């Protein structure tokens, strides 16, 4: 998933979630998390293609919970870097939930 996100592969990113996984990016803008791979895929393809997402700083905080540092750049301008919280389903190894970054979702800029 890390490689997929860093290389704008929304399909591979979404495949890393459990079937009913929850992704709640841009928590300052979105009212609710995206639930299920189809919704996560649709959003990921749209957003990751419009922005440059770089993640790193993976840190384990509990048996099934991690924090990851996410940095987002859009139209050549850095939105910032924030921590996200990720919970992994220990049976499947897939992401059960991903919350953050706590940033406002920028408008999609058309290069044309």
PDB file of N, CA and C in Angstrom:
ATOM      1  N   UNK A   1       0.816  -1.195   0.000  1.00  0.00           N
ATOM      2  CA  UNK A   1       0.000   0.000   0.000  1.00  0.00           C
ATOM      3  C   UNK A   1       0.858   1.257   0.000  1.00  0.00           C
ATOM      4  N   UNK A   2       1.938   1.228   0.739  1.00  0.00           N
ATOM      5  CA  UNK A   2       2.825   2.392   0.793  1.00  0.00           C
ATOM      6  C   UNK A   2       3.362   2.695  -0.593  1.00  0.00           C
ATOM      7  N   UNK A   3       3.845   1.687  -1.267  1.00  0.00           N
ATOM      8  CA  UNK A   3       4.373   1.875  -2.620  1.00  0.00           C
ATOM      9  C   UNK A   3       3.278   2.340  -3.578  1.00  0.00           C
ATOM     10  N   UNK A   4       2.089   1.766  -3.462  1.00  0.00           N
ATOM     11  CA  UNK A   4       0.976   2.161  -4.329  1.00  0.00           C
ATOM     12  C   UNK A   4       0.622   3.629  -4.129  1.00  0.00           C
ATOM     13  N   UNK A   5       0.577   4.068  -2.895  1.00  0.00           N
ATOM     14  CA  UNK A   5       0.251   5.465  -2.619  1.00  0.00           C
ATOM     15  C   UNK A   5       1.346   6.390  -3.131  1.00  0.00           C
ATOM     16  N   UNK A   6       2.591   6.023  -2.899  1.00  0.00           N
ATOM     17  CA  UNK A   6       3.706   6.852  -3.356  1.00  0.00           C
ATOM     18  C   UNK A   6       3.815   6.907  -4.871  1.00  0.00           C
ATOM     19  N   UNK A   7       3.267   5.909  -5.566  1.00  0.00           N
ATOM     20  CA  UNK A   7       3.352   5.865  -7.030  1.00  0.00           C
ATOM     21  C   UNK A   7       2.000   6.068  -7.712  1.00  0.00           C
ATOM     22  N   UNK A   8       1.044   6.657  -6.979  1.00  0.00           N
ATOM     23  CA  UNK A   8      -0.272   7.022  -7.527  1.00  0.00           C
ATOM     24  C   UNK A   8      -1.007   5.834  -8.143  1.00  0.00           C
ATOM     25  N   UNK A   9      -0.977   4.690  -7.482  1.00  0.00           N
ATOM     26  CA  UNK A   9      -1.691   3.491  -7.932  1.00  0.00           C
ATOM     27  C   UNK A   9      -2.892   3.270  -7.018  1.00  0.00           C
ATOM     28  N   UNK A  10      -3.964   3.996  -7.294  1.00  0.00           N
ATOM     29  CA  UNK A  10      -5.165   3.912  -6.479  1.00  0.00           C
ATOM     30  C   UNK A  10      -5.736   2.515  -6.394  1.00  0.00           C
ATOM     31  N   UNK A  11      -5.620   1.746  -7.483  1.00  0.00           N
ATOM     32  CA  UNK A  11      -6.147   0.386  -7.487  1.00  0.00           C
ATOM     33  C   UNK A  11      -5.423  -0.494  -6.474  1.00  0.00           C
ATOM     34  N   UNK A  12      -4.122  -0.399  -6.454  1.00  0.00           N
ATOM     35  CA  UNK A  12      -3.338  -1.208  -5.506  1.00  0.00           C
ATOM     36  C   UNK A  12      -3.514  -0.696  -4.077  1.00  0.00           C
ATOM     37  N   UNK A  13      -3.650   0.603  -3.939  1.00  0.00           N
ATOM     38  CA  UNK A  13      -3.888   1.176  -2.615  1.00  0.00           C
ATOM     39  C   UNK A  13      -5.197   0.630  -2.043  1.00  0.00           C
ATOM     40  N   UNK A  14      -6.268   0.690  -2.815  1.00  0.00           N
ATOM     41  CA  UNK A  14      -7.577   0.216  -2.352  1.00  0.00           C
ATOM     42  C   UNK A  14      -7.556  -1.276  -2.049  1.00  0.00           C
ATOM     43  N   UNK A  15      -6.784  -2.043  -2.788  1.00  0.00           N
ATOM     44  CA  UNK A  15      -6.705  -3.491  -2.570  1.00  0.00           C
ATOM     45  C   UNK A  15      -6.079  -3.831  -1.214  1.00  0.00           C
ATOM     46  N   UNK A  16      -5.387  -2.882  -0.602  1.00  0.00           N
ATOM     47  CA  UNK A  16      -4.789  -3.111   0.697  1.00  0.00           C
ATOM     48  C   UNK A  16      -5.765  -2.983   1.859  1.00  0.00           C
ATOM     49  N   UNK A  17      -6.997  -2.582   1.561  1.00  0.00           N
ATOM     50  CA  UNK A  17      -8.018  -2.458   2.599  1.00  0.00           C
ATOM     51  C   UNK A  17      -8.831  -3.743   2.693  1.00  0.00           C
ATOM     52  N   UNK A  18      -9.306  -4.039   3.892  1.00  0.00           N
ATOM     53  CA  UNK A  18     -10.250  -5.130   4.076  1.00  0.00           C
ATOM     54  C   UNK A  18     -11.498  -4.817   3.245  1.00  0.00           C
ATOM     55  N   UNK A  19     -12.276  -5.833   2.950  1.00  0.00           N
ATOM     56  CA  UNK A  19     -13.454  -5.664   2.083  1.00  0.00           C
ATOM     57  C   UNK A  19     -14.353  -4.527   2.548  1.00  0.00           C
ATOM     58  N   UNK A  20     -14.562  -4.387   3.835  1.00  0.00           N
ATOM     59  CA  UNK A  20     -15.378  -3.290   4.383  1.00  0.00           C
ATOM     60  C   UNK A  20     -14.502  -2.277   5.122  1.00  0.00           C
ATOM     61  N   UNK A  21     -13.257  -2.146   4.674  1.00  0.00           N
ATOM     62  CA  UNK A  21     -12.324  -1.198   5.290  1.00  0.00           C
ATOM     63  C   UNK A  21     -12.839   0.232   5.198  1.00  0.00           C
ATOM     64  N   UNK A  22     -12.312   1.076   6.071  1.00  0.00           N
ATOM     65  CA  UNK A  22     -12.746   2.476   6.140  1.00  0.00           C
ATOM     66  C   UNK A  22     -11.540   3.386   5.948  1.00  0.00           C
ATOM     67  N   UNK A  23     -11.678   4.339   5.038  1.00  0.00           N
ATOM     68  CA  UNK A  23     -10.631   5.347   4.809  1.00  0.00           C
ATOM     69  C   UNK A  23     -11.256   6.710   5.030  1.00  0.00           C
ATOM     70  N   UNK A  24     -10.663   7.473   5.929  1.00  0.00           N
ATOM     71  CA  UNK A  24     -11.193   8.795   6.272  1.00  0.00           C
ATOM     72  C   UNK A  24     -10.095   9.831   6.062  1.00  0.00           C
ATOM     73  N   UNK A  25      -9.778  10.127   4.784  1.00  0.00           N
ATOM     74  CA  UNK A  25      -8.762  11.139   4.499  1.00  0.00           C
ATOM     75  C   UNK A  25      -9.370  12.537   4.606  1.00  0.00           C
ATOM     76  N   UNK A  26      -8.511  13.537   4.688  1.00  0.00           N
ATOM     77  CA  UNK A  26      -8.965  14.934   4.714  1.00  0.00           C
ATOM     78  C   UNK A  26     -10.072  15.128   5.751  1.00  0.00           C
ATOM     79  N   UNK A  27      -9.767  14.778   6.988  1.00  0.00           N
ATOM     80  CA  UNK A  27     -10.786  14.819   8.033  1.00  0.00           C
ATOM     81  C   UNK A  27     -11.306  16.218   8.330  1.00  0.00           C
ATOM     82  N   UNK A  28     -10.617  17.244   7.869  1.00  0.00           N
ATOM     83  CA  UNK A  28     -11.129  18.614   8.064  1.00  0.00           C
ATOM     84  C   UNK A  28     -12.171  18.983   7.019  1.00  0.00           C
ATOM     85  N   UNK A  29     -12.329  18.165   5.979  1.00  0.00           N
ATOM     86  CA  UNK A  29     -13.278  18.466   4.907  1.00  0.00           C
ATOM     87  C   UNK A  29     -14.383  17.420   4.799  1.00  0.00           C
ATOM     88  N   UNK A  30     -14.017  16.156   4.737  1.00  0.00           N
ATOM     89  CA  UNK A  30     -15.009  15.089   4.558  1.00  0.00           C
ATOM     90  C   UNK A  30     -15.799  14.871   5.842  1.00  0.00           C
ATOM     91  N   UNK A  31     -17.071  14.606   5.690  1.00  0.00           N
ATOM     92  CA  UNK A  31     -17.940  14.423   6.855  1.00  0.00           C
ATOM     93  C   UNK A  31     -17.928  12.995   7.390  1.00  0.00           C
ATOM     94  N   UNK A  32     -17.575  12.046   6.550  1.00  0.00           N
ATOM     95  CA  UNK A  32     -17.630  10.640   6.956  1.00  0.00           C
ATOM     96  C   UNK A  32     -16.568   9.857   6.190  1.00  0.00           C
ATOM     97  N   UNK A  33     -16.185   8.699   6.719  1.00  0.00           N
ATOM     98  CA  UNK A  33     -15.190   7.890   6.015  1.00  0.00           C
ATOM     99  C   UNK A  33     -15.783   7.221   4.778  1.00  0.00           C
ATOM    100  N   UNK A  34     -14.916   6.850   3.866  1.00  0.00           N
ATOM    101  CA  UNK A  34     -15.285   6.028   2.723  1.00  0.00           C
ATOM    102  C   UNK A  34     -15.260   4.586   3.219  1.00  0.00           C
ATOM    103  N   UNK A  35     -16.262   3.811   2.857  1.00  0.00           N
ATOM    104  CA  UNK A  35     -16.365   2.443   3.362  1.00  0.00           C
ATOM    105  C   UNK A  35     -16.416   1.474   2.190  1.00  0.00           C
ATOM    106  N   UNK A  36     -15.526   0.501   2.201  1.00  0.00           N
ATOM    107  CA  UNK A  36     -15.490  -0.524   1.163  1.00  0.00           C
ATOM    108  C   UNK A  36     -14.528  -0.164   0.043  1.00  0.00           C
ATOM    109  N   UNK A  37     -13.964  -1.187  -0.554  1.00  0.00           N
ATOM    110  CA  UNK A  37     -12.959  -0.983  -1.610  1.00  0.00           C
ATOM    111  C   UNK A  37     -13.447  -0.176  -2.810  1.00  0.00           C
ATOM    112  N   UNK A  38     -14.689  -0.371  -3.304  1.00  0.00           N
ATOM    113  CA  UNK A  38     -15.120   0.427  -4.467  1.00  0.00           C
ATOM    114  C   UNK A  38     -15.091   1.934  -4.200  1.00  0.00           C
ATOM    115  N   UNK A  39     -15.583   2.362  -3.039  1.00  0.00           N
ATOM    116  CA  UNK A  39     -15.578   3.796  -2.717  1.00  0.00           C
ATOM    117  C   UNK A  39     -14.163   4.301  -2.489  1.00  0.00           C
ATOM    118  N   UNK A  40     -13.347   3.497  -1.830  1.00  0.00           N
ATOM    119  CA  UNK A  40     -11.958   3.878  -1.584  1.00  0.00           C
ATOM    120  C   UNK A  40     -11.219   3.997  -2.900  1.00  0.00           C
ATOM    121  N   UNK A  41     -11.437   3.053  -3.805  1.00  0.00           N
ATOM    122  CA  UNK A  41     -10.780   3.088  -5.116  1.00  0.00           C
ATOM    123  C   UNK A  41     -11.176   4.330  -5.897  1.00  0.00           C
ATOM    124  N   UNK A  42     -12.460   4.633  -5.963  1.00  0.00           N
ATOM    125  CA  UNK A  42     -12.923   5.798  -6.730  1.00  0.00           C
ATOM    126  C   UNK A  42     -12.292   7.083  -6.204  1.00  0.00           C
ATOM    127  N   UNK A  43     -12.272   7.240  -4.910  1.00  0.00           N
ATOM    128  CA  UNK A  43     -11.696   8.442  -4.313  1.00  0.00           C
ATOM    129  C   UNK A  43     -10.183   8.472  -4.506  1.00  0.00           C
ATOM    130  N   UNK A  44      -9.530   7.344  -4.289  1.00  0.00           N
ATOM    131  CA  UNK A  44      -8.072   7.278  -4.406  1.00  0.00           C
ATOM    132  C   UNK A  44      -7.609   7.607  -5.816  1.00  0.00           C
ATOM    133  N   UNK A  45      -8.271   7.064  -6.815  1.00  0.00           N
ATOM    134  CA  UNK A  45      -7.883   7.331  -8.207  1.00  0.00           C
ATOM    135  C   UNK A  45      -8.009   8.816  -8.513  1.00  0.00           C
ATOM    136  N   UNK A  46      -9.082   9.427  -8.069  1.00  0.00           N
ATOM    137  CA  UNK A  46      -9.311  10.849  -8.305  1.00  0.00           C
ATOM    138  C   UNK A  46      -8.309  11.723  -7.558  1.00  0.00           C
ATOM    139  N   UNK A  47      -8.144  11.483  -6.271  1.00  0.00           N
ATOM    140  CA  UNK A  47      -7.301  12.344  -5.452  1.00  0.00           C
ATOM    141  C   UNK A  47      -5.821  12.108  -5.658  1.00  0.00           C
ATOM    142  N   UNK A  48      -5.391  10.861  -5.682  1.00  0.00           N
ATOM    143  CA  UNK A  48      -3.963  10.576  -5.782  1.00  0.00           C
ATOM    144  C   UNK A  48      -3.418  11.033  -7.121  1.00  0.00           C
ATOM    145  N   UNK A  49      -4.249  10.999  -8.159  1.00  0.00           N
ATOM    146  CA  UNK A  49      -3.812  11.492  -9.463  1.00  0.00           C
ATOM    147  C   UNK A  49      -3.674  13.017  -9.452  1.00  0.00           C
ATOM    148  N   UNK A  50      -4.448  13.695  -8.613  1.00  0.00           N
ATOM    149  CA  UNK A  50      -4.434  15.157  -8.564  1.00  0.00           C
ATOM    150  C   UNK A  50      -3.359  15.706  -7.636  1.00  0.00           C
ATOM    151  N   UNK A  51      -2.880  14.886  -6.742  1.00  0.00           N
ATOM    152  CA  UNK A  51      -1.915  15.336  -5.754  1.00  0.00           C
ATOM    153  C   UNK A  51      -0.747  14.369  -5.681  1.00  0.00           C
ATOM    154  N   UNK A  52       0.298  14.827  -5.101  1.00  0.00           N
ATOM    155  CA  UNK A  52       1.446  13.962  -4.837  1.00  0.00           C
ATOM    156  C   UNK A  52       1.400  13.602  -3.359  1.00  0.00           C
ATOM    157  N   UNK A  53       1.174  12.337  -3.085  1.00  0.00           N
ATOM    158  CA  UNK A  53       1.119  11.843  -1.709  1.00  0.00           C
ATOM    159  C   UNK A  53       2.429  11.123  -1.420  1.00  0.00           C
ATOM    160  N   UNK A  54       3.084  11.496  -0.354  1.00  0.00           N
ATOM    161  CA  UNK A  54       4.299  10.809   0.070  1.00  0.00           C
ATOM    162  C   UNK A  54       4.102  10.410   1.517  1.00  0.00           C
ATOM    163  N   UNK A  55       4.357   9.147   1.791  1.00  0.00           N
ATOM    164  CA  UNK A  55       4.199   8.708   3.163  1.00  0.00           C
ATOM    165  C   UNK A  55       5.475   8.068   3.672  1.00  0.00           C
ATOM    166  N   UNK A  56       5.653   8.151   4.946  1.00  0.00           N
ATOM    167  CA  UNK A  56       6.815   7.573   5.593  1.00  0.00           C
ATOM    168  C   UNK A  56       6.619   7.644   7.090  1.00  0.00           C
ATOM    169  N   UNK A  57       7.653   7.378   7.832  1.00  0.00           N
ATOM    170  CA  UNK A  57       7.579   7.480   9.278  1.00  0.00           C
ATOM    171  C   UNK A  57       6.601   6.512   9.905  1.00  0.00           C
ATOM    172  N   UNK A  58       6.538   5.287   9.388  1.00  0.00           N
ATOM    173  CA  UNK A  58       5.658   4.280   9.960  1.00  0.00           C
ATOM    174  C   UNK A  58       6.098   3.976  11.391  1.00  0.00           C
ATOM    175  N   UNK A  59       5.140   4.046  12.310  1.00  0.00           N
ATOM    176  CA  UNK A  59       5.449   3.781  13.713  1.00  0.00           C
ATOM    177  C   UNK A  59       4.345   2.927  14.327  1.00  0.00           C
ATOM    178  N   UNK A  60       4.726   1.832  14.922  1.00  0.00           N
ATOM    179  CA  UNK A  60       3.757   0.947  15.574  1.00  0.00           C
ATOM    180  C   UNK A  60       3.450   1.499  16.961  1.00  0.00           C
ATOM    181  N   UNK A  61       2.144   1.638  17.254  1.00  0.00           N
ATOM    182  CA  UNK A  61       1.746   2.166  18.561  1.00  0.00           C
ATOM    183  C   UNK A  61       0.998   1.125  19.395  1.00  0.00           C
ATOM    184  N   UNK A  62       0.565   0.045  18.794  1.00  0.00           N
ATOM    185  CA  UNK A  62      -0.098  -1.067  19.482  1.00  0.00           C
ATOM    186  C   UNK A  62      -0.006  -2.283  18.557  1.00  0.00           C
ATOM    187  N   UNK A  63      -0.486  -3.423  19.029  1.00  0.00           N
ATOM    188  CA  UNK A  63      -0.393  -4.659  18.246  1.00  0.00           C
ATOM    189  C   UNK A  63      -0.938  -4.485  16.822  1.00  0.00           C
ATOM    190  N   UNK A  64      -2.060  -3.798  16.682  1.00  0.00           N
ATOM    191  CA  UNK A  64      -2.701  -3.660  15.375  1.00  0.00           C
ATOM    192  C   UNK A  64      -2.795  -2.219  14.890  1.00  0.00           C
ATOM    193  N   UNK A  65      -2.162  -1.274  15.589  1.00  0.00           N
ATOM    194  CA  UNK A  65      -2.285   0.139  15.229  1.00  0.00           C
ATOM    195  C   UNK A  65      -0.935   0.776  14.943  1.00  0.00           C
ATOM    196  N   UNK A  66      -0.963   1.669  13.940  1.00  0.00           N
ATOM    197  CA  UNK A  66       0.246   2.352  13.493  1.00  0.00           C
ATOM    198  C   UNK A  66      -0.081   3.816  13.252  1.00  0.00           C
ATOM    199  N   UNK A  67       0.952   4.632  13.223  1.00  0.00           N
ATOM    200  CA  UNK A  67       0.821   5.988  12.706  1.00  0.00           C
ATOM    201  C   UNK A  67       1.760   6.095  11.513  1.00  0.00           C
ATOM    202  N   UNK A  68       1.354   6.895  10.552  1.00  0.00           N
ATOM    203  CA  UNK A  68       2.138   7.125   9.340  1.00  0.00           C
ATOM    204  C   UNK A  68       2.132   8.626   9.086  1.00  0.00           C
ATOM    205  N   UNK A  69       3.247   9.161   8.684  1.00  0.00           N
ATOM    206  CA  UNK A  69       3.333  10.576   8.327  1.00  0.00           C
ATOM    207  C   UNK A  69       3.004  10.718   6.844  1.00  0.00           C
ATOM    208  N   UNK A  70       2.045  11.566   6.510  1.00  0.00           N
ATOM    209  CA  UNK A  70       1.614  11.798   5.130  1.00  0.00           C
ATOM    210  C   UNK A  70       1.923  13.243   4.760  1.00  0.00           C
ATOM    211  N   UNK A  71       2.571  13.418   3.614  1.00  0.00           N
ATOM    212  CA  UNK A  71       2.850  14.757   3.078  1.00  0.00           C
ATOM    213  C   UNK A  71       2.148  14.852   1.733  1.00  0.00           C
ATOM    214  N   UNK A  72       1.388  15.923   1.533  1.00  0.00           N
ATOM    215  CA  UNK A  72       0.623  16.093   0.299  1.00  0.00           C
ATOM    216  C   UNK A  72       1.013  17.396  -0.369  1.00  0.00           C
ATOM    217  N   UNK A  73       1.265  17.308  -1.679  1.00  0.00           N
ATOM    218  CA  UNK A  73       1.589  18.470  -2.499  1.00  0.00           C
ATOM    219  C   UNK A  73       0.586  18.503  -3.645  1.00  0.00           C
ATOM    220  N   UNK A  74       0.019  19.670  -3.914  1.00  0.00           N
ATOM    221  CA  UNK A  74      -0.895  19.834  -5.034  1.00  0.00           C
ATOM    222  C   UNK A  74      -0.548  21.116  -5.768  1.00  0.00           C
ATOM    223  N   UNK A  75      -0.543  21.055  -7.070  1.00  0.00           N
ATOM    224  CA  UNK A  75      -0.211  22.206  -7.919  1.00  0.00           C
ATOM    225  C   UNK A  75       1.099  22.860  -7.468  1.00  0.00           C
ATOM    226  N   UNK A  76       2.062  22.024  -7.079  1.00  0.00           N
ATOM    227  CA  UNK A  76       3.368  22.523  -6.674  1.00  0.00           C
ATOM    228  C   UNK A  76       3.416  23.154  -5.298  1.00  0.00           C
ATOM    229  N   UNK A  77       2.306  23.113  -4.576  1.00  0.00           N
ATOM    230  CA  UNK A  77       2.226  23.743  -3.264  1.00  0.00           C
ATOM    231  C   UNK A  77       1.985  22.675  -2.190  1.00  0.00           C
ATOM    232  N   UNK A  78       2.822  22.669  -1.168  1.00  0.00           N
ATOM    233  CA  UNK A  78       2.678  21.705  -0.080  1.00  0.00           C
ATOM    234  C   UNK A  78       1.481  22.063   0.794  1.00  0.00           C
ATOM    235  N   UNK A  79       0.628  21.082   1.020  1.00  0.00           N
ATOM    236  CA  UNK A  79      -0.508  21.276   1.929  1.00  0.00           C
ATOM    237  C   UNK A  79      -0.067  21.081   3.367  1.00  0.00           C
ATOM    238  N   UNK A  80       0.959  20.291   3.527  1.00  0.00           N
ATOM    239  CA  UNK A  80       1.460  20.012   4.862  1.00  0.00           C
ATOM    240  C   UNK A  80       1.724  18.539   5.040  1.00  0.00           C
ATOM    241  N   UNK A  81       2.246  18.207   6.180  1.00  0.00           N
ATOM    242  CA  UNK A  81       2.519  16.824   6.543  1.00  0.00           C
ATOM    243  C   UNK A  81       1.850  16.566   7.884  1.00  0.00           C
ATOM    244  N   UNK A  82       1.088  15.517   7.943  1.00  0.00           N
ATOM    245  CA  UNK A  82       0.358  15.183   9.163  1.00  0.00           C
ATOM    246  C   UNK A  82       0.434  13.679   9.404  1.00  0.00           C
ATOM    247  N   UNK A  83       0.197  13.310  10.631  1.00  0.00           N
ATOM    248  CA  UNK A  83       0.148  11.896  10.990  1.00  0.00           C
ATOM    249  C   UNK A  83      -1.241  11.334  10.706  1.00  0.00           C
ATOM    250  N   UNK A  84      -1.264  10.082  10.314  1.00  0.00           N
ATOM    251  CA  UNK A  84      -2.507   9.346  10.133  1.00  0.00           C
ATOM    252  C   UNK A  84      -2.500   8.183  11.111  1.00  0.00           C
ATOM    253  N   UNK A  85      -3.670   7.651  11.378  1.00  0.00           N
ATOM    254  CA  UNK A  85      -3.799   6.471  12.231  1.00  0.00           C
ATOM    255  C   UNK A  85      -4.316   5.321  11.383  1.00  0.00           C
ATOM    256  N   UNK A  86      -3.622   4.196  11.452  1.00  0.00           N
ATOM    257  CA  UNK A  86      -3.991   3.028  10.657  1.00  0.00           C
ATOM    258  C   UNK A  86      -4.174   1.840  11.591  1.00  0.00           C
ATOM    259  N   UNK A  87      -5.285   1.129  11.417  1.00  0.00           N
ATOM    260  CA  UNK A  87      -5.540  -0.099  12.164  1.00  0.00           C
ATOM    261  C   UNK A  87      -5.569  -1.251  11.171  1.00  0.00           C
ATOM    262  N   UNK A  88      -4.829  -2.308  11.484  1.00  0.00           N
ATOM    263  CA  UNK A  88      -4.712  -3.459  10.598  1.00  0.00           C
ATOM    264  C   UNK A  88      -5.486  -4.629  11.180  1.00  0.00           C
ATOM    265  N   UNK A  89      -6.213  -5.343  10.319  1.00  0.00           N
ATOM    266  CA  UNK A  89      -6.882  -6.575  10.717  1.00  0.00           C
ATOM    267  C   UNK A  89      -5.805  -7.644  10.857  1.00  0.00           C
ATOM    268  N   UNK A  90      -5.603  -8.137  12.060  1.00  0.00           N
ATOM    269  CA  UNK A  90      -4.501  -9.078  12.316  1.00  0.00           C
ATOM    270  C   UNK A  90      -4.675 -10.404  11.589  1.00  0.00           C
ATOM    271  N   UNK A  91      -5.903 -10.806  11.298  1.00  0.00           N
ATOM    272  CA  UNK A  91      -6.125 -12.071  10.580  1.00  0.00           C
ATOM    273  C   UNK A  91      -5.743 -11.974   9.112  1.00  0.00           C
ATOM    274  N   UNK A  92      -6.165 -10.908   8.455  1.00  0.00           N
ATOM    275  CA  UNK A  92      -5.939 -10.798   7.015  1.00  0.00           C
ATOM    276  C   UNK A  92      -4.680 -10.009   6.671  1.00  0.00           C
ATOM    277  N   UNK A  93      -4.225  -9.159   7.587  1.00  0.00           N
ATOM    278  CA  UNK A  93      -3.101  -8.277   7.293  1.00  0.00           C
ATOM    279  C   UNK A  93      -3.508  -7.060   6.471  1.00  0.00           C
ATOM    280  N   UNK A  94      -4.807  -6.902   6.216  1.00  0.00           N
ATOM    281  CA  UNK A  94      -5.316  -5.770   5.444  1.00  0.00           C
ATOM    282  C   UNK A  94      -5.717  -4.631   6.380  1.00  0.00           C
ATOM    283  N   UNK A  95      -5.783  -3.431   5.835  1.00  0.00           N
ATOM    284  CA  UNK A  95      -6.137  -2.261   6.627  1.00  0.00           C
ATOM    285  C   UNK A  95      -7.631  -2.279   6.929  1.00  0.00           C
ATOM    286  N   UNK A  96      -7.959  -2.184   8.213  1.00  0.00           N
ATOM    287  CA  UNK A  96      -9.355  -2.106   8.642  1.00  0.00           C
ATOM    288  C   UNK A  96      -9.819  -0.658   8.637  1.00  0.00           C
ATOM    289  N   UNK A  97      -8.937   0.262   9.059  1.00  0.00           N
ATOM    290  CA  UNK A  97      -9.291   1.686   9.021  1.00  0.00           C
ATOM    291  C   UNK A  97      -8.040   2.539   8.909  1.00  0.00           C
ATOM    292  N   UNK A  98      -8.221   3.674   8.230  1.00  0.00           N
ATOM    293  CA  UNK A  98      -7.144   4.650   8.016  1.00  0.00           C
ATOM    294  C   UNK A  98      -7.786   6.006   8.209  1.00  0.00           C
ATOM    295  N   UNK A  99      -7.327   6.766   9.198  1.00  0.00           N
ATOM    296  CA  UNK A  99      -7.896   8.078   9.487  1.00  0.00           C
ATOM    297  C   UNK A  99      -6.825   9.150   9.351  1.00  0.00           C
ATOM    298  N   UNK A 100      -7.093  10.133   8.532  1.00  0.00           N
ATOM    299  CA  UNK A 100      -6.183  11.247   8.330  1.00  0.00           C
ATOM    300  C   UNK A 100      -5.595  11.220   6.940  1.00  0.00           C
ATOM    301  N   UNK A 101      -4.942  12.273   6.582  1.00  0.00           N
ATOM    302  CA  UNK A 101      -4.423  13.348   7.410  1.00  0.00           C
ATOM    303  C   UNK A 101      -5.490  14.388   7.746  1.00  0.00           C
ATOM    304  N   UNK A 102      -5.251  15.111   8.823  1.00  0.00           N
ATOM    305  CA  UNK A 102      -6.167  16.166   9.258  1.00  0.00           C
ATOM    306  C   UNK A 102      -5.865  17.439   8.472  1.00  0.00           C
ATOM    307  N   UNK A 103      -6.161  17.389   7.185  1.00  0.00           N
ATOM    308  CA  UNK A 103      -5.960  18.524   6.280  1.00  0.00           C
ATOM    309  C   UNK A 103      -7.264  18.809   5.555  1.00  0.00           C
ATOM    310  N   UNK A 104      -7.382  20.008   5.035  1.00  0.00           N
ATOM    311  CA  UNK A 104      -8.513  20.336   4.168  1.00  0.00           C
ATOM    312  C   UNK A 104      -8.244  19.770   2.787  1.00  0.00           C
ATOM    313  N   UNK A 105      -9.270  19.225   2.161  1.00  0.00           N
ATOM    314  CA  UNK A 105      -9.140  18.668   0.823  1.00  0.00           C
ATOM    315  C   UNK A 105      -9.058  19.815  -0.184  1.00  0.00           C
ATOM    316  N   UNK A 106      -7.986  19.867  -0.956  1.00  0.00           N
ATOM    317  CA  UNK A 106      -7.857  20.948  -1.940  1.00  0.00           C
ATOM    318  C   UNK A 106      -8.708  20.673  -3.174  1.00  0.00           C
ATOM    319  N   UNK A 107      -9.044  21.728  -3.919  1.00  0.00           N
ATOM    320  CA  UNK A 107      -9.755  21.497  -5.178  1.00  0.00           C
ATOM    321  C   UNK A 107      -8.802  20.817  -6.156  1.00  0.00           C
ATOM    322  N   UNK A 108      -9.364  20.074  -7.077  1.00  0.00           N
ATOM    323  CA  UNK A 108      -8.550  19.427  -8.101  1.00  0.00           C
ATOM    324  C   UNK A 108      -8.223  20.472  -9.159  1.00  0.00           C
ATOM    325  N   UNK A 109      -6.934  20.625  -9.446  1.00  0.00           N
ATOM    326  CA  UNK A 109      -6.472  21.608 -10.407  1.00  0.00           C
ATOM    327  C   UNK A 109      -6.299  20.925 -11.759  1.00  0.00           C
ATOM    328  N   UNK A 110      -6.936  21.470 -12.780  1.00  0.00           N
ATOM    329  CA  UNK A 110      -6.829  20.934 -14.134  1.00  0.00           C
ATOM    330  C   UNK A 110      -5.650  21.616 -14.820  1.00  0.00           C
ATOM    331  N   UNK A 111      -4.695  20.831 -15.293  1.00  0.00           N
ATOM    332  CA  UNK A 111      -3.502  21.388 -15.939  1.00  0.00           C
ATOM    333  C   UNK A 111      -3.771  21.926 -17.325  1.00  0.00           C
ATOM    334  N   UNK A 112      -4.927  21.623 -17.902  1.00  0.00           N
ATOM    335  CA  UNK A 112      -5.223  22.071 -19.281  1.00  0.00           C
ATOM    336  C   UNK A 112      -5.640  23.513 -19.343  1.00  0.00           C
TER     337      UNK A 112
END
